[in-house]
Protein backbone atom coordinates (compact mmCIF):
# COMPACT_ATOMS: atom_id res chain seq x y z
CA MET A 1 -61.76 117.33 -82.37
CA PHE A 2 -63.75 117.52 -85.58
CA ALA A 3 -63.40 121.33 -85.52
CA ARG A 4 -59.64 120.98 -85.17
CA TYR A 5 -59.46 118.73 -88.23
CA SER A 6 -61.66 121.16 -90.14
CA LEU A 7 -59.25 123.97 -89.35
CA ILE A 8 -56.25 121.89 -90.49
CA ALA A 9 -58.05 120.94 -93.70
CA ALA A 10 -58.94 124.56 -94.36
CA LEU A 11 -55.32 125.55 -93.81
CA SER A 12 -54.15 122.89 -96.25
CA ILE A 13 -56.63 123.99 -98.90
CA SER A 14 -55.63 127.63 -98.46
CA VAL A 15 -51.92 126.90 -98.74
CA ALA A 16 -52.51 124.87 -101.89
CA ALA A 17 -54.50 127.72 -103.39
CA PHE A 18 -51.75 130.26 -102.81
CA PRO A 19 -48.38 128.71 -103.72
CA ILE A 20 -45.29 130.67 -102.73
CA ASP A 21 -42.16 130.75 -104.88
CA PRO A 22 -39.39 129.68 -102.48
CA ALA A 23 -36.64 131.14 -104.70
CA ARG A 24 -37.92 134.68 -104.19
CA ALA A 25 -39.65 134.39 -100.80
CA GLN A 26 -38.55 136.61 -97.95
CA GLU A 27 -40.11 136.99 -94.52
CA GLY A 28 -41.07 140.57 -95.30
CA ILE A 29 -42.53 139.63 -98.67
CA VAL A 30 -44.69 136.68 -97.73
CA GLY A 31 -45.63 137.62 -94.15
CA GLY A 32 -48.83 139.35 -95.21
CA ILE A 33 -49.79 136.44 -97.48
CA ILE A 34 -49.32 133.85 -94.73
CA GLY A 35 -51.30 135.99 -92.28
CA GLY A 36 -54.14 136.19 -94.79
CA ILE A 37 -54.17 132.43 -95.25
CA ILE A 38 -54.41 131.76 -91.52
CA GLY A 39 -57.09 134.40 -91.02
CA GLY A 40 -59.13 133.01 -93.91
CA ALA A 41 -58.91 129.49 -92.53
CA ILE A 42 -60.21 130.60 -89.12
CA ALA A 43 -63.11 132.47 -90.72
CA ASN A 44 -64.00 129.44 -92.85
CA ASP A 45 -64.01 127.21 -89.76
CA GLN A 46 -66.34 129.60 -87.91
CA ARG A 47 -68.76 129.68 -90.84
CA ALA A 48 -68.73 125.90 -90.99
CA ARG A 49 -69.70 125.70 -87.31
CA GLN A 50 -72.58 128.13 -87.82
CA GLN A 51 -73.85 126.14 -90.77
CA ARG A 52 -73.79 122.88 -88.77
CA ALA A 53 -75.73 124.56 -85.97
CA GLN A 54 -78.51 125.65 -88.32
CA PRO A 55 -81.03 123.27 -89.93
CA GLN A 56 -80.01 122.38 -93.41
CA VAL A 57 -82.49 123.37 -96.12
CA ARG A 58 -81.86 121.94 -99.50
CA GLN A 59 -82.37 124.43 -102.27
CA ARG A 60 -82.42 123.88 -105.93
CA THR A 61 -79.74 125.77 -107.77
CA ALA A 62 -79.58 126.40 -111.45
CA PRO A 63 -76.78 124.46 -113.14
CA ARG A 64 -73.73 126.53 -113.94
CA PRO A 65 -72.95 126.88 -117.60
CA ALA A 66 -70.06 124.64 -118.59
CA VAL A 67 -66.80 126.32 -119.54
CA SER A 68 -65.10 124.81 -122.55
CA ASN A 69 -61.49 123.69 -122.32
CA VAL A 70 -60.50 126.34 -124.85
CA GLN A 71 -62.14 129.12 -122.81
CA ARG A 72 -60.60 127.81 -119.58
CA GLU A 73 -57.14 127.78 -121.14
CA GLN A 74 -57.64 131.35 -122.38
CA ASN A 75 -58.75 132.41 -118.90
CA ARG A 76 -55.69 130.73 -117.44
CA SER A 77 -53.45 132.69 -119.80
CA VAL A 78 -55.10 135.95 -118.74
CA GLN A 79 -54.66 135.10 -115.05
CA THR A 80 -51.00 134.19 -115.56
CA ALA A 81 -50.35 137.48 -117.36
CA LEU A 82 -52.13 139.51 -114.68
CA ASN A 83 -50.04 137.86 -111.96
CA HIS A 84 -46.85 138.49 -113.91
CA PHE A 85 -47.49 142.24 -114.07
CA GLY A 86 -48.44 142.52 -110.39
CA TRP A 87 -52.24 142.32 -110.51
CA ASN A 88 -52.41 139.30 -108.20
CA VAL A 89 -55.46 137.16 -108.98
CA GLY A 90 -54.32 133.95 -107.29
CA THR A 91 -53.67 130.58 -108.82
CA PRO A 92 -54.36 130.49 -112.59
CA ASP A 93 -57.16 127.92 -112.57
CA GLY A 94 -59.13 129.13 -115.59
CA ALA A 95 -62.14 130.16 -113.49
CA ILE A 96 -62.80 133.93 -113.63
CA GLY A 97 -64.16 134.69 -110.17
CA PRO A 98 -64.45 137.90 -108.12
CA ARG A 99 -60.70 138.10 -107.50
CA SER A 100 -59.91 137.79 -111.19
CA ARG A 101 -62.59 140.37 -112.03
CA ALA A 102 -60.99 142.79 -109.56
CA GLY A 103 -57.56 142.26 -111.12
CA ILE A 104 -58.97 142.80 -114.60
CA SER A 105 -60.61 146.04 -113.46
CA GLU A 106 -57.32 147.32 -112.02
CA TYR A 107 -55.56 146.42 -115.26
CA GLN A 108 -58.19 148.25 -117.34
CA VAL A 109 -58.00 151.39 -115.20
CA PHE A 110 -54.19 151.32 -115.45
CA LEU A 111 -54.49 151.42 -119.24
CA GLY A 112 -56.99 154.26 -119.09
CA PHE A 113 -60.00 152.10 -119.98
CA ALA A 114 -63.25 151.60 -118.09
CA GLY A 115 -62.82 149.15 -115.20
CA THR A 116 -65.66 146.81 -116.11
CA GLY A 117 -63.97 143.57 -115.09
CA GLN A 118 -64.88 142.15 -118.52
CA LEU A 119 -62.01 142.09 -121.01
CA SER A 120 -62.60 143.21 -124.55
CA GLU A 121 -60.69 141.42 -127.28
CA PHE A 122 -58.43 144.47 -127.72
CA GLU A 123 -57.64 144.63 -123.99
CA ARG A 124 -56.94 140.89 -123.89
CA ASN A 125 -54.57 141.11 -126.85
CA ILE A 126 -52.60 143.91 -125.19
CA LEU A 127 -52.20 141.91 -121.99
CA LEU A 128 -51.21 138.63 -123.62
CA THR A 129 -48.85 140.28 -126.11
CA ALA A 130 -47.10 142.20 -123.34
CA HIS A 131 -46.79 139.02 -121.27
CA GLN A 132 -45.37 137.05 -124.18
CA ARG A 133 -42.86 139.82 -124.85
CA ALA A 134 -41.87 140.00 -121.18
CA VAL A 135 -41.30 136.24 -121.00
CA SER A 136 -39.28 136.21 -124.22
CA GLY A 137 -37.07 139.05 -122.97
CA GLY A 138 -34.32 140.62 -125.02
CA PRO A 139 -32.34 143.88 -124.86
CA GLN A 140 -35.20 146.11 -125.98
CA VAL A 141 -37.57 144.66 -123.38
CA ALA A 142 -34.98 144.96 -120.64
CA GLN A 143 -34.23 148.56 -121.64
CA THR A 144 -37.92 149.46 -121.61
CA VAL A 145 -38.54 147.83 -118.24
CA SER A 146 -35.51 149.44 -116.59
CA SER A 147 -36.12 152.92 -118.02
CA HIS A 148 -39.90 153.24 -117.85
CA PRO A 149 -41.31 155.02 -114.77
CA GLN A 150 -43.79 152.12 -114.32
CA GLY A 151 -41.06 149.48 -114.46
CA LEU A 152 -42.34 146.10 -115.64
CA ARG A 153 -45.87 147.41 -116.12
CA GLY A 154 -44.47 150.01 -118.49
CA LEU A 155 -44.19 147.22 -121.05
CA VAL A 156 -48.00 146.95 -121.03
CA LEU A 157 -48.28 150.66 -121.80
CA VAL A 158 -45.77 150.34 -124.64
CA VAL A 159 -47.79 147.52 -126.23
CA ARG A 160 -50.99 149.54 -125.77
CA ASP A 161 -49.43 152.52 -127.56
CA GLU A 162 -48.15 150.33 -130.39
CA MET A 163 -51.55 148.70 -130.93
CA SER A 164 -53.27 152.09 -130.72
CA GLY A 165 -51.03 153.59 -133.39
CA ARG A 166 -49.25 155.91 -130.99
CA SER A 167 -45.53 156.61 -131.33
CA PRO A 168 -43.47 154.25 -129.20
CA ALA A 169 -41.07 157.07 -128.36
CA GLN A 170 -43.44 158.03 -125.54
CA SER A 171 -42.50 154.84 -123.70
CA ALA A 172 -39.34 156.69 -122.50
CA GLY A 173 -37.24 153.57 -122.85
CA ASN A 174 -36.47 153.87 -126.53
CA TYR A 175 -33.05 154.91 -127.82
CA GLY A 176 -31.63 154.73 -124.29
CA LEU A 177 -32.76 158.33 -123.67
CA PRO A 178 -34.25 159.76 -120.47
CA ALA A 179 -38.03 160.07 -120.43
CA ALA A 180 -38.10 163.84 -120.96
CA VAL A 181 -35.71 163.66 -123.89
CA ALA A 182 -37.50 160.72 -125.51
CA SER A 183 -40.82 162.59 -125.27
CA ALA A 184 -39.24 165.62 -126.94
CA VAL A 185 -37.89 163.43 -129.75
CA ASP A 186 -41.40 162.10 -130.28
CA GLU A 187 -42.82 165.65 -130.30
CA ILE A 188 -40.31 166.80 -132.93
CA ALA A 189 -40.85 163.69 -135.07
CA ALA A 190 -44.61 164.28 -135.07
CA SER A 191 -44.05 167.56 -136.96
CA SER A 192 -41.24 166.35 -139.24
CA ASP A 193 -40.86 163.94 -142.11
CA PRO A 194 -38.14 161.77 -140.49
CA SER A 195 -39.31 159.26 -137.92
CA ALA A 196 -38.08 159.43 -134.34
CA MET A 197 -35.59 156.62 -134.95
CA GLN A 198 -34.30 158.33 -138.10
CA LEU A 199 -33.85 161.59 -136.19
CA VAL A 200 -31.88 159.90 -133.43
CA GLN A 201 -29.53 158.41 -136.01
CA ARG A 202 -29.15 161.68 -137.94
CA ALA A 203 -25.81 163.40 -137.31
CA GLY A 204 -26.07 166.60 -135.27
CA PHE A 205 -29.63 166.09 -134.05
CA ILE A 206 -28.56 164.97 -130.57
CA GLN A 207 -25.44 166.45 -128.98
CA LEU A 208 -24.16 165.27 -125.61
CA GLY A 209 -22.23 167.15 -122.97
CA ASP A 210 -21.99 167.97 -119.28
CA LEU A 211 -23.27 171.52 -119.45
CA ASN A 212 -23.69 172.25 -115.73
CA GLY A 213 -20.69 170.31 -114.43
CA ASP A 214 -22.62 167.80 -112.31
CA GLY A 215 -21.03 164.73 -113.92
CA ARG A 216 -24.19 163.62 -115.72
CA THR A 217 -25.03 163.69 -119.41
CA ASP A 218 -27.01 166.67 -120.75
CA TYR A 219 -28.73 166.65 -124.16
CA ILE A 220 -29.07 169.21 -126.95
CA LEU A 221 -31.73 168.62 -129.63
CA ASP A 222 -31.07 170.70 -132.77
CA THR A 223 -34.20 170.81 -134.93
CA SER A 224 -32.33 172.42 -137.83
CA VAL A 225 -31.43 168.93 -139.09
CA THR A 226 -35.10 167.91 -139.38
CA GLY A 227 -35.70 169.94 -142.54
CA SER A 228 -39.06 170.97 -141.13
CA ALA A 229 -40.36 174.54 -141.44
CA PHE A 230 -42.46 173.91 -138.32
CA TRP A 231 -39.38 174.24 -136.08
CA CYS A 232 -37.38 176.77 -138.15
CA SER A 233 -37.76 180.28 -139.45
CA ALA A 234 -35.58 182.25 -141.83
CA GLN A 235 -33.40 183.40 -138.93
CA ALA A 236 -33.09 180.40 -136.57
CA CYS A 237 -34.38 176.98 -135.50
CA THR A 238 -35.57 175.74 -132.14
CA VAL A 239 -32.87 174.20 -129.95
CA GLN A 240 -33.99 172.23 -126.91
CA VAL A 241 -31.45 171.82 -124.11
CA PHE A 242 -32.13 169.22 -121.40
CA VAL A 243 -29.89 169.72 -118.40
CA SER A 244 -29.84 167.30 -115.47
CA THR A 245 -30.79 168.27 -111.92
CA PRO A 246 -31.45 166.17 -108.78
CA GLU A 247 -35.17 166.53 -109.53
CA GLY A 248 -34.84 165.37 -113.16
CA TYR A 249 -34.11 166.94 -116.53
CA VAL A 250 -35.06 170.61 -117.09
CA ARG A 251 -35.76 171.82 -120.61
CA ASN A 252 -34.49 175.16 -121.95
CA ASP A 253 -35.57 176.36 -125.42
CA PHE A 254 -33.51 178.65 -127.65
CA GLN A 255 -33.61 179.98 -131.22
CA ALA A 256 -30.26 179.50 -132.96
CA PHE A 257 -28.31 177.94 -135.83
CA ASN A 258 -25.33 175.56 -135.73
CA VAL A 259 -25.11 175.24 -131.96
CA THR A 260 -22.41 173.35 -130.03
CA PRO A 261 -22.23 172.42 -126.33
CA ALA A 262 -19.48 175.03 -125.81
CA MET A 263 -21.99 177.78 -126.61
CA PHE A 264 -24.11 177.05 -123.51
CA THR A 265 -23.45 178.06 -119.93
CA CYS A 266 -25.67 176.25 -117.43
CA THR A 267 -26.13 176.54 -113.68
CA ARG A 268 -28.19 173.65 -112.33
CA GLY A 269 -31.30 173.71 -114.55
CA THR A 270 -30.92 177.18 -116.08
CA CYS A 271 -28.90 177.70 -119.28
CA GLU A 272 -27.75 180.71 -121.27
CA LEU A 273 -26.69 180.77 -124.91
CA GLY A 274 -23.53 182.70 -125.73
CA ALA A 275 -22.50 184.09 -129.09
CA PRO A 276 -21.09 181.47 -131.47
CA GLN A 277 -17.84 183.40 -131.89
CA GLN A 278 -17.24 183.56 -128.15
CA PRO A 279 -16.02 180.19 -126.85
CA VAL A 280 -16.44 179.29 -123.22
CA THR A 281 -13.28 180.24 -121.31
CA VAL A 282 -11.91 179.44 -117.89
CA ALA A 283 -11.46 182.36 -115.51
CA ALA A 284 -7.87 183.55 -115.19
CA ALA A 285 -5.96 182.73 -112.03
CA GLN A 286 -4.75 186.36 -111.62
CA PRO A 287 -6.86 188.62 -109.41
CA ALA A 288 -9.29 190.77 -111.32
CA ALA A 289 -9.61 194.51 -110.97
CA PRO A 290 -11.55 195.61 -107.90
CA THR A 291 -15.25 195.74 -108.57
CA ALA A 292 -18.34 196.05 -106.49
CA PRO A 293 -18.81 192.61 -104.95
CA SER A 294 -21.99 190.84 -105.88
CA PRO A 295 -23.79 188.61 -103.36
CA THR A 296 -22.90 185.57 -105.43
CA THR A 297 -19.18 186.45 -105.44
CA GLU A 298 -19.17 187.03 -101.70
CA VAL A 299 -20.73 183.65 -101.05
CA ALA A 300 -18.25 181.92 -103.36
CA LEU A 301 -15.25 183.57 -101.65
CA SER A 302 -16.54 182.92 -98.16
CA VAL A 303 -15.92 179.19 -98.42
CA PRO A 304 -13.00 178.57 -96.02
CA SER A 305 -11.72 175.43 -97.71
CA ALA A 306 -8.68 177.28 -99.14
CA GLN A 307 -7.57 178.55 -95.73
CA PRO A 308 -5.08 176.49 -93.65
CA ALA A 309 -6.70 175.08 -90.54
CA ALA A 310 -4.57 175.15 -87.34
CA ARG A 311 -4.56 171.80 -85.56
CA ASN A 312 -3.73 173.36 -82.18
CA PRO A 313 -4.14 177.14 -81.93
CA ASP A 314 -2.11 177.26 -78.67
CA ALA A 315 0.91 175.48 -80.13
CA GLY A 316 1.64 178.17 -82.72
CA ALA A 317 4.19 177.51 -85.42
CA THR A 318 6.27 175.16 -83.27
CA GLU A 319 3.94 172.22 -83.79
CA ALA A 320 4.46 170.48 -87.10
CA ALA A 321 1.36 169.34 -88.89
CA ALA A 322 0.92 165.58 -89.13
CA PRO A 323 1.94 164.26 -92.54
CA ALA A 324 -0.95 163.59 -94.86
CA VAL A 325 -1.25 161.92 -98.25
CA PRO A 326 -1.50 164.73 -100.79
CA ASN A 327 -4.58 164.80 -103.01
CA PHE A 328 -4.13 166.86 -106.15
CA PHE A 329 -7.51 165.99 -107.69
CA GLY A 330 -10.00 166.78 -104.94
CA GLY A 331 -12.88 164.38 -104.53
CA GLY A 332 -13.06 163.48 -108.20
CA GLY A 333 -11.46 160.67 -110.06
CA GLN A 334 -12.66 157.42 -111.47
CA GLY A 335 -15.06 156.80 -108.61
CA GLU A 336 -17.30 159.73 -109.59
CA ARG A 337 -17.63 159.00 -113.28
CA SER A 338 -21.22 158.46 -114.31
CA LEU A 339 -21.98 154.96 -115.57
CA ALA A 340 -25.51 156.09 -116.48
CA SER A 341 -24.13 158.77 -118.81
CA HIS A 342 -21.65 156.31 -120.26
CA CYS A 343 -24.42 153.84 -121.06
CA ASP A 344 -26.53 156.60 -122.61
CA ARG A 345 -23.73 157.23 -125.10
CA VAL A 346 -23.20 153.52 -125.71
CA ASN A 347 -26.91 152.96 -126.37
CA LEU A 348 -27.03 155.81 -128.85
CA LEU A 349 -24.03 154.41 -130.72
CA THR A 350 -25.55 150.92 -130.70
CA ASN A 351 -28.78 152.22 -132.18
CA ALA A 352 -26.87 154.20 -134.79
CA ASN A 353 -24.99 151.01 -135.76
CA GLY A 354 -28.25 149.13 -136.24
CA GLY A 355 -28.06 146.92 -133.16
CA PHE A 356 -25.68 145.04 -130.91
CA THR A 357 -22.32 143.82 -132.16
CA THR A 358 -22.12 140.07 -132.83
CA ARG A 359 -19.17 137.70 -133.21
CA ASP A 360 -19.46 138.01 -136.97
CA THR A 361 -19.52 141.82 -136.98
CA MET A 362 -17.04 142.52 -134.16
CA THR A 363 -14.24 144.86 -135.19
CA ASP A 364 -13.77 146.78 -131.92
CA PRO A 365 -13.62 144.64 -128.73
CA ALA A 366 -14.01 147.77 -126.60
CA GLN A 367 -17.41 148.47 -128.15
CA VAL A 368 -18.49 144.88 -127.38
CA LEU A 369 -17.48 145.30 -123.72
CA ASN A 370 -19.31 148.63 -123.53
CA GLU A 371 -22.51 147.20 -125.03
CA GLN A 372 -22.53 144.06 -122.90
CA PHE A 373 -21.70 145.95 -119.70
CA CYS A 374 -24.62 148.30 -120.22
CA LEU A 375 -26.86 145.38 -121.21
CA ALA A 376 -25.96 143.52 -117.99
CA ARG A 377 -26.67 146.71 -116.02
CA THR A 378 -30.10 146.93 -117.63
CA TYR A 379 -30.95 143.33 -116.78
CA ALA A 380 -29.77 143.82 -113.20
CA MET A 381 -32.02 146.88 -112.78
CA ALA A 382 -35.03 145.06 -114.24
CA ASP A 383 -34.48 142.06 -111.96
CA GLY A 384 -34.21 144.23 -108.86
CA GLU A 385 -37.28 146.27 -109.75
CA GLU A 386 -39.29 143.06 -110.00
CA LEU A 387 -38.16 142.03 -106.51
CA ILE A 388 -38.87 145.48 -105.07
CA ALA A 389 -42.46 145.18 -106.31
CA GLN A 390 -42.88 142.06 -104.14
CA VAL A 391 -41.80 143.72 -100.89
CA GLN A 392 -44.88 144.63 -98.86
CA GLY A 393 -45.27 147.56 -96.50
CA VAL A 394 -42.15 149.41 -97.66
CA SER A 395 -41.92 152.01 -100.40
CA ALA A 396 -39.30 151.90 -103.14
CA ALA A 397 -37.73 155.07 -101.72
CA GLN A 398 -37.37 153.48 -98.29
CA ILE A 399 -35.78 150.40 -99.83
CA ALA A 400 -33.30 152.60 -101.71
CA ASP A 401 -32.41 154.46 -98.51
CA GLN A 402 -31.68 151.17 -96.74
CA CYS A 403 -29.41 150.03 -99.58
CA VAL A 404 -27.49 153.32 -99.48
CA ALA A 405 -27.12 152.98 -95.69
CA PHE A 406 -25.77 149.45 -96.28
CA ALA A 407 -23.00 150.72 -98.61
CA PRO A 408 -20.46 151.81 -95.91
CA SER A 409 -20.33 148.23 -94.64
CA LEU A 410 -19.33 147.05 -98.12
CA LYS A 411 -16.93 149.92 -98.89
CA PRO A 412 -13.76 148.07 -97.70
CA PHE A 413 -14.45 145.20 -100.08
CA VAL A 414 -15.17 147.57 -102.97
CA SER A 415 -11.83 149.28 -102.33
CA ALA A 416 -10.04 145.92 -102.12
CA LEU A 417 -11.37 145.04 -105.58
CA SER A 418 -8.77 147.35 -107.17
CA VAL A 419 -5.75 145.99 -105.28
CA GLN A 420 -6.33 142.34 -104.35
CA PRO A 421 -6.81 139.16 -106.41
CA HIS A 422 -10.38 137.97 -106.75
CA ASP A 423 -9.99 134.97 -104.41
CA GLU A 424 -8.74 137.17 -101.55
CA VAL A 425 -11.59 139.64 -102.06
CA MET A 426 -14.17 136.86 -102.06
CA GLN A 427 -12.65 135.35 -98.92
CA SER A 428 -13.07 138.66 -97.09
CA VAL A 429 -16.65 139.06 -98.33
CA SER A 430 -17.41 135.47 -97.27
CA ALA A 431 -16.35 136.30 -93.69
CA PHE A 432 -18.62 139.34 -93.78
CA VAL A 433 -21.56 137.21 -94.98
CA LEU A 434 -21.17 134.89 -92.00
CA GLN A 435 -21.31 137.88 -89.63
CA THR A 436 -24.60 139.23 -91.00
CA GLY A 437 -26.70 136.43 -89.50
CA MET A 438 -28.95 136.41 -92.61
CA SER A 439 -29.80 133.30 -94.56
CA PRO A 440 -28.12 133.00 -97.97
CA GLN A 441 -31.46 133.38 -99.75
CA GLN A 442 -32.35 136.53 -97.81
CA LEU A 443 -28.95 138.04 -98.47
CA THR A 444 -29.07 137.08 -102.15
CA ASP A 445 -32.45 138.76 -102.67
CA THR A 446 -31.29 141.81 -100.72
CA ALA A 447 -28.15 142.06 -102.87
CA ARG A 448 -30.19 141.77 -106.09
CA ILE A 449 -32.39 144.64 -104.93
CA CYS A 450 -29.45 146.82 -103.87
CA LEU A 451 -27.64 146.09 -107.14
CA ALA A 452 -30.60 147.58 -109.00
CA VAL A 453 -30.71 150.56 -106.61
CA GLY A 454 -27.00 151.19 -107.04
CA TYR A 455 -27.19 151.20 -110.83
CA ARG A 456 -30.41 153.21 -110.82
CA GLN A 457 -28.88 155.91 -108.59
CA ASP A 458 -25.46 155.71 -110.25
CA ASN A 459 -24.02 154.79 -106.83
CA MET A 460 -21.08 152.53 -107.59
CA ASP A 461 -20.36 151.70 -103.93
CA VAL A 462 -23.82 150.17 -103.61
CA ALA A 463 -23.75 148.46 -107.01
CA VAL A 464 -20.26 146.96 -106.80
CA GLY A 465 -20.75 145.93 -103.18
CA ALA A 466 -23.99 144.13 -104.04
CA ALA A 467 -22.35 142.41 -107.02
CA LEU A 468 -19.53 141.20 -104.77
CA LEU A 469 -22.06 139.76 -102.34
CA LEU A 470 -23.90 137.92 -105.10
CA THR A 471 -20.72 136.43 -106.55
CA THR A 472 -19.51 135.28 -103.15
CA LEU A 473 -22.91 133.71 -102.44
CA GLY A 474 -22.49 131.44 -105.47
CA GLU A 475 -24.10 133.54 -108.22
CA ARG A 476 -20.99 133.31 -110.39
CA ALA A 477 -22.56 135.13 -113.34
CA TYR A 478 -22.22 138.40 -111.42
CA GLY A 479 -18.43 138.03 -111.49
CA GLU A 480 -18.66 139.48 -114.98
CA LEU A 481 -19.73 142.82 -113.48
CA MET A 482 -16.51 143.17 -111.46
CA GLY A 483 -14.56 142.50 -114.64
CA HIS A 484 -16.40 145.31 -116.40
CA HIS A 485 -15.93 147.74 -113.51
CA LEU A 486 -12.18 147.04 -113.42
CA VAL A 487 -11.82 147.41 -117.18
CA GLN A 488 -13.95 150.56 -117.48
CA GLY A 489 -12.93 152.21 -114.19
CA PHE A 490 -16.42 152.82 -112.79
CA GLY A 491 -16.35 152.46 -109.00
CA ALA A 492 -12.88 150.93 -109.21
CA THR A 493 -9.41 151.67 -110.51
CA LYS A 494 -8.73 150.42 -114.01
CA ARG A 495 -6.96 147.09 -113.59
CA ASP A 496 -7.12 144.89 -116.66
CA ASP A 497 -4.87 142.33 -114.97
CA LEU A 498 -7.28 141.83 -112.06
CA ALA A 499 -10.34 141.95 -114.33
CA LEU A 500 -9.43 138.76 -116.23
CA ALA A 501 -10.04 136.45 -113.26
CA TRP A 502 -13.44 138.00 -112.59
CA PHE A 503 -14.43 137.60 -116.24
CA GLU A 504 -13.32 133.98 -116.15
CA LEU A 505 -15.51 133.45 -113.09
CA GLY A 506 -18.49 134.96 -114.92
CA PHE A 507 -17.89 132.72 -117.94
CA ASP A 508 -18.23 129.53 -115.87
CA PRO A 509 -20.43 127.24 -118.03
CA ALA A 510 -22.06 125.82 -114.89
CA LYS A 511 -23.38 129.19 -113.76
CA ARG A 512 -27.03 130.29 -113.83
CA ALA A 513 -27.41 132.81 -116.66
CA VAL A 514 -28.89 136.09 -115.44
CA PHE A 515 -27.87 138.54 -118.18
CA ALA A 516 -29.56 138.03 -121.56
CA PRO A 517 -30.34 134.35 -120.84
CA MET A 518 -31.99 134.02 -124.25
CA GLN A 519 -28.64 134.67 -125.97
CA PRO A 520 -26.46 131.58 -125.40
CA GLU A 521 -23.74 132.96 -127.66
CA ARG A 522 -23.19 135.97 -125.38
CA ASP A 523 -20.42 134.33 -123.33
CA SER A 524 -18.52 133.40 -126.48
CA LEU A 525 -18.80 136.97 -127.75
CA LEU A 526 -17.53 138.37 -124.45
CA ARG A 527 -14.72 135.83 -124.25
CA ASP A 528 -13.54 136.85 -127.72
CA ALA A 529 -13.62 140.51 -126.71
CA VAL A 530 -11.81 139.96 -123.39
CA PHE A 531 -9.21 137.36 -124.29
CA GLY A 532 -8.99 138.02 -128.03
CA GLN A 533 -10.49 136.05 -130.88
CA PRO A 534 -8.83 132.70 -131.39
CA ALA A 535 -6.14 133.03 -133.98
CA GLN A 536 -7.02 131.46 -137.25
CA GLN A 537 -4.40 129.02 -138.45
CA PRO A 538 -3.15 129.94 -141.89
CA ALA A 539 -3.87 127.37 -144.52
CA PRO A 540 -0.74 125.32 -145.29
CA ALA A 541 0.90 126.34 -148.51
CA ALA A 542 0.49 123.79 -151.24
CA GLU A 543 3.71 122.10 -152.18
CA ALA A 544 4.90 122.90 -155.66
CA ALA A 545 4.35 119.94 -157.91
CA VAL A 546 7.07 118.87 -160.28
CA PRO A 547 5.84 119.54 -163.81
CA VAL A 548 5.68 116.60 -166.15
CA PHE A 549 5.85 117.17 -169.89
CA ALA A 550 5.10 114.52 -172.46
CA ILE A 551 7.82 114.59 -175.09
CA PRO A 552 7.24 112.49 -178.18
CA GLN A 553 10.01 109.99 -178.94
CA ASP A 554 11.60 109.87 -182.37
């Protein structure tokens, strides 16, 4: 009986030492933690039995040095920051034990320092500064976290580089540029007088275009605008072309002057530079003169998609083909537009304008909607990445695959978004939620993860479907996303009339803020952009006063 009570007490102590956040907990996330608690309690109980069976020998132990309250509070701050960035050291109690030393060592190795387990003042300042910045949030932090290959931990590397005097352009989240392009900007700035930020804002330095026809943004960096002899000779300057491929951006270097996107012809990751006086033309529809067929031409002409397919070879011409809805635009259309490329352009324009538009500076409501849509996308990706880091035993790639496999189930609701009022769409999604058999919290966390995956992969079916789930589950702030998708036409048909109700849902003052929560004026700015700024009443005209003249009497 006494052993049973000891086990229960050990379990209670272990649970208290490892609190679990119920808002984020999932069975897959916390299963390993709970198993560790139970296993530790059993081991503690067995050791207690062995100690009771052995004669007790009292030994003198040297008194432990007292830890001041100031030092304990500093230790607690370090432990809190380590936990925040994923180096789990347990409950922040201010006592630096073996578990905390191990977390500190992992943090030091991640930064490229020696894993001693003892923080230097410089290493402590990096950690605490990064944690303070992460907690404070803001657009720049969200952009860095969502764009950096290390996710949330990338913020620690950015702070390290800043404190070490390195260029922050290497963080890959600056300027809204892909990592490869941002690194190239930093490389060019290192050998030029203008800073990286000044180069990005300089007209002609960055040119955008879809050079290989894959629907994603490609980048041209023209060093002729730097004014640096390092990149230019008397005949030409270096031009770096970054063209997107499924494996990432591929860099092509050329020597030229006054380039434009029309001068480049790219196939996947390989580009060629044509003569400036020869614009890119589309092949004529008339058949060309007979020439020796090349292997590439034969492959291109062997595609049978242009040939009519017989439905029943035995029926001949007597059987009429079943009527079909004609499609004059192939598989393209609004659904295949790239939101990632759109946000790249928006971020560049925002940086060139000196920051986000405010209520006082708003002149173009469309620019406000663009900026806030891309900002909400960034926050959604950062939130999902943080949840993905908590899932144990599954890689990020496996999680992404599961979200993509989940998309066909949500496709009917995504399609209904463009044709049905918001209440009918939510009613259909609500019936689907009841059929899943998942708890609301599980489904909410899953949707937050898949929303990040959808935006990260530029998969609008996944992103819009996840946003619909979240809104239906009571997270009304995500209704704003459907409004943006309907206004911009990404993953949905442009329907301004249907978008208004979704925006109104997202503006609910009782909602939990999830996008830029540190900016309480954001809803007012969006409301002005969506519904129009409230008309200012003209000042009433002053009534003309009857003049009175003093006339002297005779």
